[in-house]
Protein backbone atom coordinates (compact mmCIF):
# COMPACT_ATOMS: atom_id res chain seq x y z
CA UNK A 1 0.00 0.00 0.00
CA UNK A 2 1.31 3.44 -0.95
CA UNK A 3 1.27 5.71 2.10
CA UNK A 4 2.91 8.78 0.57
CA UNK A 5 4.94 9.73 -2.47
CA UNK A 6 4.57 8.34 -5.96
CA UNK A 7 5.11 4.86 -7.41
CA UNK A 8 5.10 3.75 -11.01
CA UNK A 9 4.31 0.12 -11.89
CA UNK A 10 5.86 -0.99 -15.18
CA UNK A 11 6.50 -4.09 -17.26
CA UNK A 12 8.44 -4.97 -20.40
CA UNK A 13 6.64 -5.97 -23.58
CA UNK A 14 7.94 -8.35 -26.22
CA UNK A 15 9.81 -5.47 -27.88
CA UNK A 16 11.66 -4.92 -24.58
CA UNK A 17 10.02 -1.53 -24.22
CA UNK A 18 8.93 -0.32 -20.81
CA UNK A 19 5.15 -0.04 -20.51
CA UNK A 20 3.50 1.85 -17.64
CA UNK A 21 0.83 -0.42 -16.16
CA UNK A 22 -0.36 1.66 -13.22
CA UNK A 23 0.45 4.73 -11.13
CA UNK A 24 -1.27 4.11 -7.77
CA UNK A 25 -2.29 7.04 -5.62
CA UNK A 26 -1.99 7.35 -1.87
CA UNK A 27 -3.59 4.48 0.10
CA UNK A 28 -3.86 2.41 -3.10
CA UNK A 29 -2.64 -1.16 -3.43
CA UNK A 30 -0.18 -2.41 -6.03
CA UNK A 31 1.10 -5.94 -6.48
CA UNK A 32 -2.23 -7.02 -5.04
CA UNK A 33 -3.01 -9.86 -7.45
CA UNK A 34 0.34 -11.61 -7.04
CA UNK A 35 -0.02 -11.38 -3.27
CA UNK A 36 -3.43 -13.06 -3.39
CA UNK A 37 -2.36 -15.75 -5.84
CA UNK A 38 1.02 -16.18 -4.10
CA UNK A 39 2.79 -16.04 -7.45
CA UNK A 40 5.86 -14.08 -8.60
CA UNK A 41 5.22 -10.47 -9.56
CA UNK A 42 4.90 -9.86 -13.29
CA UNK A 43 5.54 -6.13 -12.98
CA UNK A 44 8.10 -3.87 -11.34
CA UNK A 45 7.39 -0.96 -9.01
CA UNK A 46 9.68 2.08 -9.02
CA UNK A 47 9.49 4.90 -6.48
CA UNK A 48 9.38 8.34 -8.08
CA UNK A 49 11.13 10.39 -5.45
CA UNK A 50 10.82 9.75 -1.73
CA UNK A 51 7.94 7.38 -1.02
CA UNK A 52 6.60 5.44 1.94
CA UNK A 53 4.91 2.09 1.42
CA UNK A 54 3.34 -0.48 3.73
CA UNK A 55 3.82 -4.17 3.00
CA UNK A 56 0.64 -6.17 3.47
CA UNK A 57 0.69 -9.97 3.60
CA UNK A 58 -1.98 -12.39 2.46
CA UNK A 59 -2.63 -13.38 6.06
CA UNK A 60 -3.08 -9.72 6.93
CA UNK A 61 -5.78 -9.40 4.26
CA UNK A 62 -7.50 -12.47 5.64
CA UNK A 63 -7.48 -11.05 9.18
CA UNK A 64 -8.83 -7.76 7.84
CA UNK A 65 -11.71 -9.52 6.09
CA UNK A 66 -12.50 -11.57 9.20
CA UNK A 67 -12.70 -8.46 11.33
CA UNK A 68 -14.29 -6.17 8.74
CA UNK A 69 -16.08 -8.14 6.02
CA UNK A 70 -17.22 -4.90 4.37
CA UNK A 71 -13.58 -4.18 3.56
CA UNK A 72 -13.96 -6.79 0.83
CA UNK A 73 -15.84 -4.19 -1.24
CA UNK A 74 -12.85 -1.87 -1.03
CA UNK A 75 -10.60 -4.68 -2.21
CA UNK A 76 -12.97 -5.45 -5.07
CA UNK A 77 -12.92 -1.76 -5.96
CA UNK A 78 -9.12 -1.91 -6.10
CA UNK A 79 -9.24 -4.92 -8.42
CA UNK A 80 -11.86 -3.18 -10.55
CA UNK A 81 -9.62 -0.14 -10.91
CA UNK A 82 -6.71 -2.36 -11.92
CA UNK A 83 -8.99 -4.15 -14.38
CA UNK A 84 -9.93 -0.83 -16.02
CA UNK A 85 -6.26 0.17 -16.12
CA UNK A 86 -5.49 -3.10 -17.91
CA UNK A 87 -8.31 -2.42 -20.40
CA UNK A 88 -6.98 1.07 -21.09
CA UNK A 89 -3.51 -0.38 -21.61
CA UNK A 90 -4.86 -2.91 -24.09
CA UNK A 91 -6.71 -0.18 -25.97
CA UNK A 92 -3.62 2.01 -26.11
CA UNK A 93 -1.53 -0.90 -27.40
CA UNK A 94 -4.23 -1.71 -29.91
CA UNK A 95 -4.11 1.84 -31.28
CA UNK A 96 -0.55 1.40 -32.53
CA UNK A 97 -0.54 2.33 -36.20
CA UNK A 98 1.33 -0.32 -38.22
CA UNK A 99 2.12 2.29 -40.86
CA UNK A 100 3.91 4.43 -38.27
CA UNK A 101 5.74 1.42 -36.83
CA UNK A 102 7.05 0.28 -40.21
CA UNK A 103 7.85 3.84 -41.32
CA UNK A 104 10.26 4.10 -38.41
CA UNK A 105 12.23 1.23 -39.94
CA UNK A 106 11.98 2.43 -43.54
CA UNK A 107 15.20 3.26 -45.35
CA UNK A 108 15.67 6.02 -47.92
CA UNK A 109 15.55 3.42 -50.71
CA UNK A 110 12.22 2.14 -49.44
CA UNK A 111 10.71 5.64 -49.42
CA UNK A 112 11.96 6.23 -52.95
CA UNK A 113 10.43 2.92 -54.06
CA UNK A 114 7.08 3.92 -52.56
CA UNK A 115 7.18 7.30 -54.28
CA UNK A 116 8.05 5.77 -57.66
CA UNK A 117 5.32 3.15 -57.35
CA UNK A 118 2.80 5.76 -56.24
CA UNK A 119 3.60 8.07 -59.16
CA UNK A 120 3.86 5.21 -61.68
CA UNK A 121 0.38 4.01 -60.76
CA UNK A 122 -1.34 7.38 -61.11
CA UNK A 123 -3.28 9.03 -63.91
CA UNK A 124 -0.76 11.86 -63.81
CA UNK A 125 1.98 9.48 -64.94
CA UNK A 126 -0.21 7.91 -67.63
CA UNK A 127 -1.28 11.24 -69.11
CA UNK A 128 2.20 12.78 -68.91
CA UNK A 129 3.85 9.70 -70.39
CA UNK A 130 1.27 9.55 -73.20
CA UNK A 131 1.92 13.20 -74.08
CA UNK A 132 5.70 12.63 -74.13
CA UNK A 133 5.41 9.52 -76.35
CA UNK A 134 2.98 11.21 -78.71
CA UNK A 135 5.17 14.31 -78.97
CA UNK A 136 8.32 12.21 -79.46
CA UNK A 137 6.78 10.17 -82.26
CA UNK A 138 5.16 13.21 -83.93
CA UNK A 139 8.40 15.23 -83.99
CA UNK A 140 10.37 12.36 -85.50
CA UNK A 141 7.71 11.73 -88.14
CA UNK A 142 7.64 15.42 -89.12
CA UNK A 143 11.45 15.61 -89.35
CA UNK A 144 11.39 12.57 -91.63
CA UNK A 145 14.98 11.94 -92.83
CA UNK A 146 16.42 14.49 -90.40
CA UNK A 147 14.89 12.72 -87.37
CA UNK A 148 17.30 11.44 -84.72
CA UNK A 149 15.05 8.38 -84.18
CA UNK A 150 13.06 7.64 -87.35
CA UNK A 151 10.27 5.11 -87.53
CA UNK A 152 10.08 2.42 -86.03
CA UNK A 153 11.66 4.45 -83.18
CA UNK A 154 14.38 2.01 -82.14
CA UNK A 155 15.91 4.46 -79.66
CA UNK A 156 12.52 5.04 -78.04
CA UNK A 157 12.01 1.28 -77.70
CA UNK A 158 15.41 1.04 -76.01
CA UNK A 159 14.46 3.76 -73.51
CA UNK A 160 11.11 2.10 -72.82
CA UNK A 161 12.78 -1.27 -72.24
CA UNK A 162 15.26 0.30 -69.83
CA UNK A 163 12.46 2.12 -68.01
CA UNK A 164 10.44 -1.08 -67.66
CA UNK A 165 13.50 -3.00 -66.44
CA UNK A 166 14.07 -0.43 -63.69
CA UNK A 167 10.45 0.25 -62.80
CA UNK A 168 9.45 -3.41 -62.31
CA UNK A 169 11.82 -4.21 -59.39
CA UNK A 170 11.08 -0.82 -57.80
CA UNK A 171 7.35 -1.58 -57.83
CA UNK A 172 8.08 -5.04 -56.40
CA UNK A 173 10.03 -3.39 -53.56
CA UNK A 174 7.01 -1.24 -52.77
CA UNK A 175 4.71 -4.28 -52.86
CA UNK A 176 7.03 -6.11 -50.46
CA UNK A 177 6.78 -3.17 -48.07
CA UNK A 178 3.00 -3.30 -48.31
CA UNK A 179 3.09 -7.03 -47.52
CA UNK A 180 5.27 -6.24 -44.50
CA UNK A 181 2.67 -3.70 -43.33
CA UNK A 182 -0.09 -6.29 -43.66
CA UNK A 183 1.92 -8.84 -41.68
CA UNK A 184 2.70 -6.29 -39.00
CA UNK A 185 -0.96 -5.32 -38.75
CA UNK A 186 -1.91 -8.98 -38.31
CA UNK A 187 0.78 -9.49 -35.67
CA UNK A 188 -0.37 -6.42 -33.74
CA UNK A 189 -3.97 -7.61 -33.82
CA UNK A 190 -2.89 -11.05 -32.60
CA UNK A 191 -0.78 -9.58 -29.79
CA UNK A 192 -3.61 -7.33 -28.65
CA UNK A 193 -6.09 -10.22 -28.61
CA UNK A 194 -3.69 -12.46 -26.73
CA UNK A 195 -2.86 -9.81 -24.14
CA UNK A 196 -6.51 -8.98 -23.67
CA UNK A 197 -7.36 -12.64 -23.17
CA UNK A 198 -4.53 -13.09 -20.67
CA UNK A 199 -5.45 -9.98 -18.70
CA UNK A 200 -9.14 -10.87 -18.60
CA UNK A 201 -8.46 -14.45 -17.50
CA UNK A 202 -6.03 -13.30 -14.81
CA UNK A 203 -8.42 -10.68 -13.44
CA UNK A 204 -11.30 -13.16 -13.55
CA UNK A 205 -9.28 -15.62 -11.45
CA UNK A 206 -8.43 -12.90 -8.95
CA UNK A 207 -12.02 -11.73 -8.68
CA UNK A 208 -13.23 -15.31 -8.22
CA UNK A 209 -10.61 -15.88 -5.53
CA UNK A 210 -11.60 -12.76 -3.65
CA UNK A 211 -15.30 -13.57 -4.09
CA UNK A 212 -14.71 -17.01 -2.59
CA UNK A 213 -12.92 -15.46 0.38
CA UNK A 214 -15.79 -13.05 0.97
CA UNK A 215 -18.31 -15.93 0.72
CA UNK A 216 -16.29 -17.95 3.23
CA UNK A 217 -16.25 -15.03 5.62
CA UNK A 218 -19.97 -14.51 5.18
CA UNK A 219 -20.59 -18.19 5.91
CA UNK A 220 -18.35 -17.97 8.96
CA UNK A 221 -20.23 -14.93 10.26
CA UNK A 222 -23.58 -16.62 9.74
CA UNK A 223 -22.35 -19.70 11.59
CA UNK A 224 -21.18 -17.59 14.54
CA UNK A 225 -24.51 -15.76 14.69
CA UNK A 226 -26.44 -19.02 14.82
CA UNK A 227 -24.35 -20.07 17.81
C-alpha atoms as a PDB file:
ATOM      1  CA  UNK A   1       0.000   0.000   0.000  1.00  0.00           C
ATOM      2  CA  UNK A   2       1.311   3.436  -0.946  1.00  0.00           C
ATOM      3  CA  UNK A   3       1.267   5.713   2.098  1.00  0.00           C
ATOM      4  CA  UNK A   4       2.911   8.779   0.573  1.00  0.00           C
ATOM      5  CA  UNK A   5       4.936   9.733  -2.470  1.00  0.00           C
ATOM      6  CA  UNK A   6       4.566   8.338  -5.962  1.00  0.00           C
ATOM      7  CA  UNK A   7       5.115   4.856  -7.406  1.00  0.00           C
ATOM      8  CA  UNK A   8       5.102   3.747 -11.009  1.00  0.00           C
ATOM      9  CA  UNK A   9       4.308   0.118 -11.889  1.00  0.00           C
ATOM     10  CA  UNK A  10       5.858  -0.987 -15.183  1.00  0.00           C
ATOM     11  CA  UNK A  11       6.502  -4.085 -17.262  1.00  0.00           C
ATOM     12  CA  UNK A  12       8.441  -4.967 -20.401  1.00  0.00           C
ATOM     13  CA  UNK A  13       6.641  -5.974 -23.577  1.00  0.00           C
ATOM     14  CA  UNK A  14       7.942  -8.351 -26.221  1.00  0.00           C
ATOM     15  CA  UNK A  15       9.809  -5.472 -27.881  1.00  0.00           C
ATOM     16  CA  UNK A  16      11.660  -4.924 -24.580  1.00  0.00           C
ATOM     17  CA  UNK A  17      10.020  -1.534 -24.221  1.00  0.00           C
ATOM     18  CA  UNK A  18       8.925  -0.321 -20.813  1.00  0.00           C
ATOM     19  CA  UNK A  19       5.148  -0.038 -20.511  1.00  0.00           C
ATOM     20  CA  UNK A  20       3.496   1.848 -17.644  1.00  0.00           C
ATOM     21  CA  UNK A  21       0.830  -0.424 -16.163  1.00  0.00           C
ATOM     22  CA  UNK A  22      -0.357   1.665 -13.219  1.00  0.00           C
ATOM     23  CA  UNK A  23       0.453   4.726 -11.130  1.00  0.00           C
ATOM     24  CA  UNK A  24      -1.269   4.111  -7.769  1.00  0.00           C
ATOM     25  CA  UNK A  25      -2.295   7.035  -5.620  1.00  0.00           C
ATOM     26  CA  UNK A  26      -1.988   7.355  -1.874  1.00  0.00           C
ATOM     27  CA  UNK A  27      -3.590   4.480   0.096  1.00  0.00           C
ATOM     28  CA  UNK A  28      -3.865   2.415  -3.101  1.00  0.00           C
ATOM     29  CA  UNK A  29      -2.638  -1.160  -3.433  1.00  0.00           C
ATOM     30  CA  UNK A  30      -0.175  -2.411  -6.026  1.00  0.00           C
ATOM     31  CA  UNK A  31       1.104  -5.944  -6.480  1.00  0.00           C
ATOM     32  CA  UNK A  32      -2.228  -7.016  -5.041  1.00  0.00           C
ATOM     33  CA  UNK A  33      -3.010  -9.857  -7.446  1.00  0.00           C
ATOM     34  CA  UNK A  34       0.340 -11.608  -7.037  1.00  0.00           C
ATOM     35  CA  UNK A  35      -0.016 -11.385  -3.272  1.00  0.00           C
ATOM     36  CA  UNK A  36      -3.432 -13.059  -3.391  1.00  0.00           C
ATOM     37  CA  UNK A  37      -2.356 -15.746  -5.838  1.00  0.00           C
ATOM     38  CA  UNK A  38       1.019 -16.185  -4.103  1.00  0.00           C
ATOM     39  CA  UNK A  39       2.786 -16.045  -7.452  1.00  0.00           C
ATOM     40  CA  UNK A  40       5.857 -14.077  -8.601  1.00  0.00           C
ATOM     41  CA  UNK A  41       5.216 -10.475  -9.559  1.00  0.00           C
ATOM     42  CA  UNK A  42       4.902  -9.860 -13.292  1.00  0.00           C
ATOM     43  CA  UNK A  43       5.542  -6.125 -12.979  1.00  0.00           C
ATOM     44  CA  UNK A  44       8.100  -3.873 -11.335  1.00  0.00           C
ATOM     45  CA  UNK A  45       7.389  -0.956  -9.009  1.00  0.00           C
ATOM     46  CA  UNK A  46       9.676   2.085  -9.019  1.00  0.00           C
ATOM     47  CA  UNK A  47       9.493   4.900  -6.478  1.00  0.00           C
ATOM     48  CA  UNK A  48       9.382   8.337  -8.080  1.00  0.00           C
ATOM     49  CA  UNK A  49      11.127  10.388  -5.454  1.00  0.00           C
ATOM     50  CA  UNK A  50      10.820   9.750  -1.726  1.00  0.00           C
ATOM     51  CA  UNK A  51       7.940   7.383  -1.023  1.00  0.00           C
ATOM     52  CA  UNK A  52       6.598   5.445   1.944  1.00  0.00           C
ATOM     53  CA  UNK A  53       4.911   2.089   1.423  1.00  0.00           C
ATOM     54  CA  UNK A  54       3.343  -0.479   3.733  1.00  0.00           C
ATOM     55  CA  UNK A  55       3.823  -4.169   2.996  1.00  0.00           C
ATOM     56  CA  UNK A  56       0.640  -6.172   3.473  1.00  0.00           C
ATOM     57  CA  UNK A  57       0.686  -9.969   3.602  1.00  0.00           C
ATOM     58  CA  UNK A  58      -1.984 -12.386   2.462  1.00  0.00           C
ATOM     59  CA  UNK A  59      -2.630 -13.379   6.065  1.00  0.00           C
ATOM     60  CA  UNK A  60      -3.081  -9.722   6.929  1.00  0.00           C
ATOM     61  CA  UNK A  61      -5.776  -9.400   4.258  1.00  0.00           C
ATOM     62  CA  UNK A  62      -7.500 -12.474   5.643  1.00  0.00           C
ATOM     63  CA  UNK A  63      -7.478 -11.050   9.176  1.00  0.00           C
ATOM     64  CA  UNK A  64      -8.833  -7.764   7.836  1.00  0.00           C
ATOM     65  CA  UNK A  65     -11.712  -9.520   6.087  1.00  0.00           C
ATOM     66  CA  UNK A  66     -12.496 -11.571   9.199  1.00  0.00           C
ATOM     67  CA  UNK A  67     -12.696  -8.456  11.333  1.00  0.00           C
ATOM     68  CA  UNK A  68     -14.288  -6.168   8.741  1.00  0.00           C
ATOM     69  CA  UNK A  69     -16.076  -8.138   6.023  1.00  0.00           C
ATOM     70  CA  UNK A  70     -17.222  -4.904   4.372  1.00  0.00           C
ATOM     71  CA  UNK A  71     -13.583  -4.182   3.556  1.00  0.00           C
ATOM     72  CA  UNK A  72     -13.965  -6.790   0.829  1.00  0.00           C
ATOM     73  CA  UNK A  73     -15.841  -4.190  -1.242  1.00  0.00           C
ATOM     74  CA  UNK A  74     -12.853  -1.866  -1.029  1.00  0.00           C
ATOM     75  CA  UNK A  75     -10.597  -4.680  -2.209  1.00  0.00           C
ATOM     76  CA  UNK A  76     -12.975  -5.454  -5.073  1.00  0.00           C
ATOM     77  CA  UNK A  77     -12.920  -1.763  -5.964  1.00  0.00           C
ATOM     78  CA  UNK A  78      -9.121  -1.912  -6.100  1.00  0.00           C
ATOM     79  CA  UNK A  79      -9.239  -4.924  -8.417  1.00  0.00           C
ATOM     80  CA  UNK A  80     -11.860  -3.178 -10.547  1.00  0.00           C
ATOM     81  CA  UNK A  81      -9.620  -0.136 -10.913  1.00  0.00           C
ATOM     82  CA  UNK A  82      -6.709  -2.358 -11.923  1.00  0.00           C
ATOM     83  CA  UNK A  83      -8.995  -4.147 -14.381  1.00  0.00           C
ATOM     84  CA  UNK A  84      -9.928  -0.831 -16.017  1.00  0.00           C
ATOM     85  CA  UNK A  85      -6.261   0.166 -16.116  1.00  0.00           C
ATOM     86  CA  UNK A  86      -5.495  -3.103 -17.913  1.00  0.00           C
ATOM     87  CA  UNK A  87      -8.310  -2.421 -20.396  1.00  0.00           C
ATOM     88  CA  UNK A  88      -6.984   1.070 -21.093  1.00  0.00           C
ATOM     89  CA  UNK A  89      -3.511  -0.383 -21.613  1.00  0.00           C
ATOM     90  CA  UNK A  90      -4.855  -2.913 -24.094  1.00  0.00           C
ATOM     91  CA  UNK A  91      -6.714  -0.182 -25.970  1.00  0.00           C
ATOM     92  CA  UNK A  92      -3.619   2.009 -26.111  1.00  0.00           C
ATOM     93  CA  UNK A  93      -1.535  -0.895 -27.396  1.00  0.00           C
ATOM     94  CA  UNK A  94      -4.234  -1.714 -29.910  1.00  0.00           C
ATOM     95  CA  UNK A  95      -4.114   1.838 -31.281  1.00  0.00           C
ATOM     96  CA  UNK A  96      -0.552   1.400 -32.526  1.00  0.00           C
ATOM     97  CA  UNK A  97      -0.535   2.333 -36.198  1.00  0.00           C
ATOM     98  CA  UNK A  98       1.326  -0.321 -38.222  1.00  0.00           C
ATOM     99  CA  UNK A  99       2.115   2.288 -40.859  1.00  0.00           C
ATOM    100  CA  UNK A 100       3.907   4.428 -38.274  1.00  0.00           C
ATOM    101  CA  UNK A 101       5.738   1.418 -36.834  1.00  0.00           C
ATOM    102  CA  UNK A 102       7.049   0.276 -40.211  1.00  0.00           C
ATOM    103  CA  UNK A 103       7.849   3.837 -41.321  1.00  0.00           C
ATOM    104  CA  UNK A 104      10.259   4.096 -38.405  1.00  0.00           C
ATOM    105  CA  UNK A 105      12.229   1.229 -39.936  1.00  0.00           C
ATOM    106  CA  UNK A 106      11.977   2.434 -43.536  1.00  0.00           C
ATOM    107  CA  UNK A 107      15.200   3.261 -45.351  1.00  0.00           C
ATOM    108  CA  UNK A 108      15.674   6.018 -47.916  1.00  0.00           C
ATOM    109  CA  UNK A 109      15.549   3.425 -50.714  1.00  0.00           C
ATOM    110  CA  UNK A 110      12.222   2.144 -49.437  1.00  0.00           C
ATOM    111  CA  UNK A 111      10.713   5.637 -49.419  1.00  0.00           C
ATOM    112  CA  UNK A 112      11.956   6.235 -52.953  1.00  0.00           C
ATOM    113  CA  UNK A 113      10.426   2.921 -54.060  1.00  0.00           C
ATOM    114  CA  UNK A 114       7.076   3.919 -52.562  1.00  0.00           C
ATOM    115  CA  UNK A 115       7.183   7.301 -54.280  1.00  0.00           C
ATOM    116  CA  UNK A 116       8.049   5.771 -57.659  1.00  0.00           C
ATOM    117  CA  UNK A 117       5.317   3.146 -57.355  1.00  0.00           C
ATOM    118  CA  UNK A 118       2.797   5.760 -56.240  1.00  0.00           C
ATOM    119  CA  UNK A 119       3.603   8.068 -59.161  1.00  0.00           C
ATOM    120  CA  UNK A 120       3.858   5.206 -61.679  1.00  0.00           C
ATOM    121  CA  UNK A 121       0.380   4.005 -60.758  1.00  0.00           C
ATOM    122  CA  UNK A 122      -1.342   7.382 -61.111  1.00  0.00           C
ATOM    123  CA  UNK A 123      -3.276   9.031 -63.909  1.00  0.00           C
ATOM    124  CA  UNK A 124      -0.759  11.859 -63.814  1.00  0.00           C
ATOM    125  CA  UNK A 125       1.981   9.480 -64.935  1.00  0.00           C
ATOM    126  CA  UNK A 126      -0.213   7.911 -67.625  1.00  0.00           C
ATOM    127  CA  UNK A 127      -1.283  11.241 -69.115  1.00  0.00           C
ATOM    128  CA  UNK A 128       2.198  12.779 -68.914  1.00  0.00           C
ATOM    129  CA  UNK A 129       3.848   9.700 -70.393  1.00  0.00           C
ATOM    130  CA  UNK A 130       1.265   9.547 -73.202  1.00  0.00           C
ATOM    131  CA  UNK A 131       1.923  13.203 -74.078  1.00  0.00           C
ATOM    132  CA  UNK A 132       5.695  12.630 -74.131  1.00  0.00           C
ATOM    133  CA  UNK A 133       5.406   9.523 -76.346  1.00  0.00           C
ATOM    134  CA  UNK A 134       2.985  11.208 -78.711  1.00  0.00           C
ATOM    135  CA  UNK A 135       5.173  14.314 -78.975  1.00  0.00           C
ATOM    136  CA  UNK A 136       8.324  12.210 -79.461  1.00  0.00           C
ATOM    137  CA  UNK A 137       6.779  10.174 -82.261  1.00  0.00           C
ATOM    138  CA  UNK A 138       5.165  13.212 -83.927  1.00  0.00           C
ATOM    139  CA  UNK A 139       8.396  15.227 -83.995  1.00  0.00           C
ATOM    140  CA  UNK A 140      10.373  12.356 -85.502  1.00  0.00           C
ATOM    141  CA  UNK A 141       7.705  11.729 -88.137  1.00  0.00           C
ATOM    142  CA  UNK A 142       7.636  15.419 -89.116  1.00  0.00           C
ATOM    143  CA  UNK A 143      11.453  15.612 -89.348  1.00  0.00           C
ATOM    144  CA  UNK A 144      11.386  12.569 -91.628  1.00  0.00           C
ATOM    145  CA  UNK A 145      14.975  11.942 -92.826  1.00  0.00           C
ATOM    146  CA  UNK A 146      16.417  14.488 -90.398  1.00  0.00           C
ATOM    147  CA  UNK A 147      14.891  12.718 -87.369  1.00  0.00           C
ATOM    148  CA  UNK A 148      17.303  11.437 -84.724  1.00  0.00           C
ATOM    149  CA  UNK A 149      15.052   8.381 -84.181  1.00  0.00           C
ATOM    150  CA  UNK A 150      13.061   7.640 -87.349  1.00  0.00           C
ATOM    151  CA  UNK A 151      10.268   5.109 -87.532  1.00  0.00           C
ATOM    152  CA  UNK A 152      10.079   2.418 -86.030  1.00  0.00           C
ATOM    153  CA  UNK A 153      11.657   4.448 -83.183  1.00  0.00           C
ATOM    154  CA  UNK A 154      14.380   2.009 -82.142  1.00  0.00           C
ATOM    155  CA  UNK A 155      15.907   4.460 -79.661  1.00  0.00           C
ATOM    156  CA  UNK A 156      12.522   5.038 -78.041  1.00  0.00           C
ATOM    157  CA  UNK A 157      12.014   1.283 -77.696  1.00  0.00           C
ATOM    158  CA  UNK A 158      15.409   1.040 -76.006  1.00  0.00           C
ATOM    159  CA  UNK A 159      14.459   3.761 -73.510  1.00  0.00           C
ATOM    160  CA  UNK A 160      11.105   2.102 -72.818  1.00  0.00           C
ATOM    161  CA  UNK A 161      12.775  -1.272 -72.240  1.00  0.00           C
ATOM    162  CA  UNK A 162      15.262   0.304 -69.826  1.00  0.00           C
ATOM    163  CA  UNK A 163      12.455   2.124 -68.007  1.00  0.00           C
ATOM    164  CA  UNK A 164      10.437  -1.081 -67.664  1.00  0.00           C
ATOM    165  CA  UNK A 165      13.499  -2.999 -66.442  1.00  0.00           C
ATOM    166  CA  UNK A 166      14.070  -0.435 -63.689  1.00  0.00           C
ATOM    167  CA  UNK A 167      10.451   0.251 -62.800  1.00  0.00           C
ATOM    168  CA  UNK A 168       9.446  -3.408 -62.313  1.00  0.00           C
ATOM    169  CA  UNK A 169      11.817  -4.206 -59.388  1.00  0.00           C
ATOM    170  CA  UNK A 170      11.078  -0.817 -57.799  1.00  0.00           C
ATOM    171  CA  UNK A 171       7.354  -1.583 -57.832  1.00  0.00           C
ATOM    172  CA  UNK A 172       8.076  -5.043 -56.400  1.00  0.00           C
ATOM    173  CA  UNK A 173      10.028  -3.391 -53.557  1.00  0.00           C
ATOM    174  CA  UNK A 174       7.005  -1.245 -52.770  1.00  0.00           C
ATOM    175  CA  UNK A 175       4.710  -4.284 -52.860  1.00  0.00           C
ATOM    176  CA  UNK A 176       7.032  -6.112 -50.464  1.00  0.00           C
ATOM    177  CA  UNK A 177       6.782  -3.174 -48.071  1.00  0.00           C
ATOM    178  CA  UNK A 178       2.996  -3.298 -48.308  1.00  0.00           C
ATOM    179  CA  UNK A 179       3.094  -7.027 -47.523  1.00  0.00           C
ATOM    180  CA  UNK A 180       5.266  -6.238 -44.501  1.00  0.00           C
ATOM    181  CA  UNK A 181       2.670  -3.700 -43.332  1.00  0.00           C
ATOM    182  CA  UNK A 182      -0.087  -6.292 -43.657  1.00  0.00           C
ATOM    183  CA  UNK A 183       1.923  -8.844 -41.680  1.00  0.00           C
ATOM    184  CA  UNK A 184       2.701  -6.285 -38.998  1.00  0.00           C
ATOM    185  CA  UNK A 185      -0.963  -5.323 -38.753  1.00  0.00           C
ATOM    186  CA  UNK A 186      -1.913  -8.984 -38.314  1.00  0.00           C
ATOM    187  CA  UNK A 187       0.779  -9.487 -35.667  1.00  0.00           C
ATOM    188  CA  UNK A 188      -0.366  -6.416 -33.741  1.00  0.00           C
ATOM    189  CA  UNK A 189      -3.973  -7.613 -33.820  1.00  0.00           C
ATOM    190  CA  UNK A 190      -2.892 -11.047 -32.599  1.00  0.00           C
ATOM    191  CA  UNK A 191      -0.781  -9.575 -29.785  1.00  0.00           C
ATOM    192  CA  UNK A 192      -3.606  -7.333 -28.648  1.00  0.00           C
ATOM    193  CA  UNK A 193      -6.095 -10.217 -28.610  1.00  0.00           C
ATOM    194  CA  UNK A 194      -3.687 -12.459 -26.735  1.00  0.00           C
ATOM    195  CA  UNK A 195      -2.858  -9.806 -24.139  1.00  0.00           C
ATOM    196  CA  UNK A 196      -6.514  -8.975 -23.673  1.00  0.00           C
ATOM    197  CA  UNK A 197      -7.359 -12.645 -23.175  1.00  0.00           C
ATOM    198  CA  UNK A 198      -4.531 -13.095 -20.670  1.00  0.00           C
ATOM    199  CA  UNK A 199      -5.454  -9.980 -18.700  1.00  0.00           C
ATOM    200  CA  UNK A 200      -9.138 -10.868 -18.595  1.00  0.00           C
ATOM    201  CA  UNK A 201      -8.462 -14.450 -17.497  1.00  0.00           C
ATOM    202  CA  UNK A 202      -6.034 -13.303 -14.808  1.00  0.00           C
ATOM    203  CA  UNK A 203      -8.416 -10.682 -13.437  1.00  0.00           C
ATOM    204  CA  UNK A 204     -11.299 -13.160 -13.551  1.00  0.00           C
ATOM    205  CA  UNK A 205      -9.277 -15.619 -11.450  1.00  0.00           C
ATOM    206  CA  UNK A 206      -8.427 -12.897  -8.951  1.00  0.00           C
ATOM    207  CA  UNK A 207     -12.017 -11.731  -8.684  1.00  0.00           C
ATOM    208  CA  UNK A 208     -13.225 -15.306  -8.224  1.00  0.00           C
ATOM    209  CA  UNK A 209     -10.613 -15.880  -5.530  1.00  0.00           C
ATOM    210  CA  UNK A 210     -11.601 -12.756  -3.646  1.00  0.00           C
ATOM    211  CA  UNK A 211     -15.295 -13.571  -4.086  1.00  0.00           C
ATOM    212  CA  UNK A 212     -14.711 -17.011  -2.585  1.00  0.00           C
ATOM    213  CA  UNK A 213     -12.922 -15.457   0.375  1.00  0.00           C
ATOM    214  CA  UNK A 214     -15.794 -13.054   0.966  1.00  0.00           C
ATOM    215  CA  UNK A 215     -18.307 -15.926   0.719  1.00  0.00           C
ATOM    216  CA  UNK A 216     -16.290 -17.955   3.229  1.00  0.00           C
ATOM    217  CA  UNK A 217     -16.250 -15.031   5.621  1.00  0.00           C
ATOM    218  CA  UNK A 218     -19.968 -14.514   5.181  1.00  0.00           C
ATOM    219  CA  UNK A 219     -20.590 -18.189   5.912  1.00  0.00           C
ATOM    220  CA  UNK A 220     -18.348 -17.967   8.955  1.00  0.00           C
ATOM    221  CA  UNK A 221     -20.226 -14.931  10.260  1.00  0.00           C
ATOM    222  CA  UNK A 222     -23.583 -16.619   9.742  1.00  0.00           C
ATOM    223  CA  UNK A 223     -22.353 -19.701  11.592  1.00  0.00           C
ATOM    224  CA  UNK A 224     -21.180 -17.591  14.540  1.00  0.00           C
ATOM    225  CA  UNK A 225     -24.511 -15.759  14.688  1.00  0.00           C
ATOM    226  CA  UNK A 226     -26.444 -19.017  14.823  1.00  0.00           C
ATOM    227  CA  UNK A 227     -24.347 -20.072  17.808  1.00  0.00           C
END
